[in-house]
Amino acid sequence: MNQKMIGRYIVTDPEICHGKPTFRGTRIMVWQVLEQVAGGMAWETIEEEWRGKVSKEAIAEAVRLASQAFIEHAD
């Protein structure tokens, strides 16, 4: 298994979605959820849209990691 844990809820695996970050145990790509957040969708609605496969805690982790990446690459 080549799965790499990026956080508690986010993983990469070359066998799933070409190695793009996904939510653990799903094929839901992190960028898809971040786009929903950026579009102003309520986190509860996002959770419902993905039928509970992406929790509010997982969304928070995605936002936090995206923020860290932005800060690190802003220089």
N, C-alpha and C. Protein backbone atom coordinates (compact mmCIF):
# COMPACT_ATOMS: atom_id res chain seq x y z
N MET A 1 0.85 -1.19 0.00
CA MET A 1 0.00 0.00 0.00
C MET A 1 0.89 1.25 0.00
N ASN A 2 0.68 2.11 -0.95
CA ASN A 2 1.47 3.32 -1.08
C ASN A 2 0.75 4.55 -0.55
N GLN A 3 -0.29 4.33 0.23
CA GLN A 3 -1.05 5.45 0.77
C GLN A 3 -0.21 6.27 1.73
N LYS A 4 -0.28 7.59 1.57
CA LYS A 4 0.46 8.49 2.44
C LYS A 4 -0.53 9.39 3.17
N MET A 5 -0.45 9.38 4.49
CA MET A 5 -1.33 10.23 5.29
C MET A 5 -0.78 11.66 5.29
N ILE A 6 -1.60 12.59 4.85
CA ILE A 6 -1.22 14.00 4.87
C ILE A 6 -1.73 14.64 6.16
N GLY A 7 -2.82 14.10 6.64
CA GLY A 7 -3.43 14.55 7.89
C GLY A 7 -4.25 13.41 8.43
N ARG A 8 -5.12 13.72 9.36
CA ARG A 8 -5.96 12.67 9.94
C ARG A 8 -7.00 12.18 8.93
N TYR A 9 -7.46 13.09 8.05
CA TYR A 9 -8.54 12.77 7.12
C TYR A 9 -8.12 12.76 5.65
N ILE A 10 -6.93 13.26 5.36
CA ILE A 10 -6.51 13.44 3.97
C ILE A 10 -5.33 12.53 3.66
N VAL A 11 -5.42 11.85 2.51
CA VAL A 11 -4.39 10.91 2.09
C VAL A 11 -4.08 11.11 0.60
N THR A 12 -2.92 10.58 0.19
CA THR A 12 -2.63 10.43 -1.23
C THR A 12 -2.30 8.97 -1.47
N ASP A 13 -2.70 8.48 -2.62
CA ASP A 13 -2.44 7.10 -3.01
C ASP A 13 -2.36 7.08 -4.53
N PRO A 14 -1.22 6.66 -5.08
CA PRO A 14 -1.08 6.65 -6.54
C PRO A 14 -2.15 5.81 -7.24
N GLU A 15 -2.77 4.89 -6.51
CA GLU A 15 -3.82 4.02 -7.08
C GLU A 15 -5.18 4.71 -7.12
N ILE A 16 -5.32 5.82 -6.40
CA ILE A 16 -6.63 6.50 -6.30
C ILE A 16 -6.51 7.93 -6.80
N CYS A 17 -7.32 8.26 -7.80
CA CYS A 17 -7.39 9.63 -8.36
C CYS A 17 -6.00 10.15 -8.74
N HIS A 18 -5.19 9.28 -9.35
CA HIS A 18 -3.86 9.67 -9.84
C HIS A 18 -2.97 10.28 -8.76
N GLY A 19 -3.18 9.88 -7.51
CA GLY A 19 -2.33 10.36 -6.42
C GLY A 19 -2.69 11.73 -5.89
N LYS A 20 -3.79 12.31 -6.38
CA LYS A 20 -4.23 13.61 -5.86
C LYS A 20 -4.76 13.41 -4.44
N PRO A 21 -4.63 14.44 -3.58
CA PRO A 21 -5.15 14.30 -2.21
C PRO A 21 -6.67 14.05 -2.20
N THR A 22 -7.05 13.03 -1.45
CA THR A 22 -8.46 12.68 -1.29
C THR A 22 -8.76 12.53 0.21
N PHE A 23 -10.04 12.49 0.53
CA PHE A 23 -10.45 12.22 1.90
C PHE A 23 -10.37 10.72 2.11
N ARG A 24 -9.76 10.32 3.21
CA ARG A 24 -9.49 8.91 3.52
C ARG A 24 -10.74 8.06 3.34
N GLY A 25 -10.58 6.95 2.63
CA GLY A 25 -11.68 6.01 2.42
C GLY A 25 -12.66 6.42 1.33
N THR A 26 -12.33 7.49 0.58
CA THR A 26 -13.22 7.95 -0.49
C THR A 26 -12.41 8.24 -1.75
N ARG A 27 -13.11 8.59 -2.81
CA ARG A 27 -12.48 9.10 -4.02
C ARG A 27 -12.83 10.59 -4.18
N ILE A 28 -13.20 11.20 -3.08
CA ILE A 28 -13.54 12.63 -3.09
C ILE A 28 -12.25 13.42 -2.98
N MET A 29 -11.97 14.22 -4.00
CA MET A 29 -10.72 14.98 -4.01
C MET A 29 -10.86 16.24 -3.16
N VAL A 30 -9.79 16.54 -2.45
CA VAL A 30 -9.78 17.68 -1.53
C VAL A 30 -10.10 18.98 -2.26
N TRP A 31 -9.58 19.15 -3.48
CA TRP A 31 -9.82 20.39 -4.21
C TRP A 31 -11.31 20.60 -4.47
N GLN A 32 -12.06 19.52 -4.65
CA GLN A 32 -13.50 19.65 -4.90
C GLN A 32 -14.20 20.29 -3.70
N VAL A 33 -13.83 19.85 -2.52
CA VAL A 33 -14.45 20.38 -1.30
C VAL A 33 -13.97 21.81 -1.04
N LEU A 34 -12.68 22.07 -1.29
CA LEU A 34 -12.17 23.44 -1.10
C LEU A 34 -12.87 24.41 -2.05
N GLU A 35 -13.19 23.97 -3.25
CA GLU A 35 -13.96 24.82 -4.18
C GLU A 35 -15.34 25.14 -3.61
N GLN A 36 -15.96 24.15 -2.98
CA GLN A 36 -17.28 24.38 -2.38
C GLN A 36 -17.17 25.38 -1.24
N VAL A 37 -16.13 25.25 -0.41
CA VAL A 37 -15.90 26.18 0.69
C VAL A 37 -15.68 27.59 0.12
N ALA A 38 -14.83 27.68 -0.90
CA ALA A 38 -14.52 28.98 -1.52
C ALA A 38 -15.76 29.62 -2.13
N GLY A 39 -16.68 28.79 -2.59
CA GLY A 39 -17.92 29.28 -3.17
C GLY A 39 -18.95 29.72 -2.14
N GLY A 40 -18.59 29.58 -0.87
CA GLY A 40 -19.47 30.04 0.20
C GLY A 40 -20.48 29.01 0.68
N MET A 41 -20.34 27.77 0.24
CA MET A 41 -21.28 26.74 0.67
C MET A 41 -21.08 26.45 2.16
N ALA A 42 -22.17 26.32 2.88
CA ALA A 42 -22.10 25.99 4.31
C ALA A 42 -21.51 24.59 4.48
N TRP A 43 -20.67 24.44 5.51
CA TRP A 43 -20.01 23.16 5.74
C TRP A 43 -21.02 22.04 5.96
N GLU A 44 -22.14 22.35 6.60
CA GLU A 44 -23.19 21.34 6.81
C GLU A 44 -23.73 20.87 5.46
N THR A 45 -23.88 21.81 4.52
CA THR A 45 -24.38 21.47 3.19
C THR A 45 -23.37 20.61 2.44
N ILE A 46 -22.09 20.95 2.58
CA ILE A 46 -21.04 20.15 1.93
C ILE A 46 -21.08 18.73 2.47
N GLU A 47 -21.22 18.61 3.78
CA GLU A 47 -21.29 17.29 4.42
C GLU A 47 -22.47 16.50 3.85
N GLU A 48 -23.62 17.17 3.68
CA GLU A 48 -24.81 16.51 3.11
C GLU A 48 -24.60 16.14 1.65
N GLU A 49 -23.99 17.05 0.88
CA GLU A 49 -23.73 16.81 -0.54
C GLU A 49 -22.93 15.53 -0.76
N TRP A 50 -21.98 15.28 0.13
CA TRP A 50 -21.12 14.10 0.01
C TRP A 50 -21.64 12.96 0.87
N ARG A 51 -22.91 13.04 1.25
CA ARG A 51 -23.61 11.97 2.00
C ARG A 51 -22.86 11.55 3.27
N GLY A 52 -22.30 12.54 3.97
CA GLY A 52 -21.64 12.27 5.24
C GLY A 52 -20.24 11.67 5.13
N LYS A 53 -19.74 11.52 3.89
CA LYS A 53 -18.40 10.94 3.71
C LYS A 53 -17.29 11.95 4.01
N VAL A 54 -17.65 13.24 4.05
CA VAL A 54 -16.70 14.29 4.40
C VAL A 54 -17.27 15.04 5.59
N SER A 55 -16.64 14.88 6.75
CA SER A 55 -17.13 15.51 7.98
C SER A 55 -16.66 16.96 8.07
N LYS A 56 -17.28 17.69 8.97
CA LYS A 56 -16.85 19.08 9.21
C LYS A 56 -15.40 19.11 9.69
N GLU A 57 -14.99 18.12 10.45
CA GLU A 57 -13.60 18.04 10.91
C GLU A 57 -12.65 17.84 9.73
N ALA A 58 -13.06 17.04 8.77
CA ALA A 58 -12.24 16.80 7.58
C ALA A 58 -12.15 18.07 6.73
N ILE A 59 -13.25 18.80 6.63
CA ILE A 59 -13.24 20.07 5.89
C ILE A 59 -12.29 21.05 6.58
N ALA A 60 -12.37 21.12 7.90
CA ALA A 60 -11.50 22.03 8.66
C ALA A 60 -10.03 21.67 8.42
N GLU A 61 -9.71 20.39 8.38
CA GLU A 61 -8.34 19.97 8.13
C GLU A 61 -7.91 20.41 6.72
N ALA A 62 -8.77 20.24 5.73
CA ALA A 62 -8.45 20.64 4.36
C ALA A 62 -8.18 22.14 4.29
N VAL A 63 -9.01 22.93 4.94
CA VAL A 63 -8.83 24.38 4.94
C VAL A 63 -7.52 24.75 5.63
N ARG A 64 -7.25 24.12 6.76
CA ARG A 64 -6.02 24.40 7.51
C ARG A 64 -4.78 24.06 6.69
N LEU A 65 -4.78 22.89 6.04
CA LEU A 65 -3.63 22.48 5.23
C LEU A 65 -3.47 23.38 4.00
N ALA A 66 -4.58 23.79 3.41
CA ALA A 66 -4.51 24.70 2.26
C ALA A 66 -3.94 26.04 2.69
N SER A 67 -4.33 26.50 3.85
CA SER A 67 -3.82 27.76 4.39
C SER A 67 -2.32 27.67 4.63
N GLN A 68 -1.87 26.57 5.22
CA GLN A 68 -0.44 26.36 5.47
C GLN A 68 0.34 26.35 4.16
N ALA A 69 -0.20 25.66 3.16
CA ALA A 69 0.47 25.59 1.86
C ALA A 69 0.59 26.97 1.23
N PHE A 70 -0.47 27.76 1.36
CA PHE A 70 -0.45 29.12 0.82
C PHE A 70 0.62 29.96 1.51
N ILE A 71 0.67 29.87 2.81
CA ILE A 71 1.65 30.66 3.59
C ILE A 71 3.08 30.23 3.19
N GLU A 72 3.31 28.93 3.08
CA GLU A 72 4.64 28.42 2.75
C GLU A 72 5.08 28.81 1.34
N HIS A 73 4.14 28.91 0.40
CA HIS A 73 4.48 29.19 -0.99
C HIS A 73 4.28 30.64 -1.39
N ALA A 74 3.88 31.47 -0.44
CA ALA A 74 3.60 32.88 -0.76
C ALA A 74 4.88 33.70 -0.97
N ASP A 75 5.98 33.19 -0.43
CA ASP A 75 7.23 33.95 -0.55
C ASP A 75 7.68 34.00 -1.97
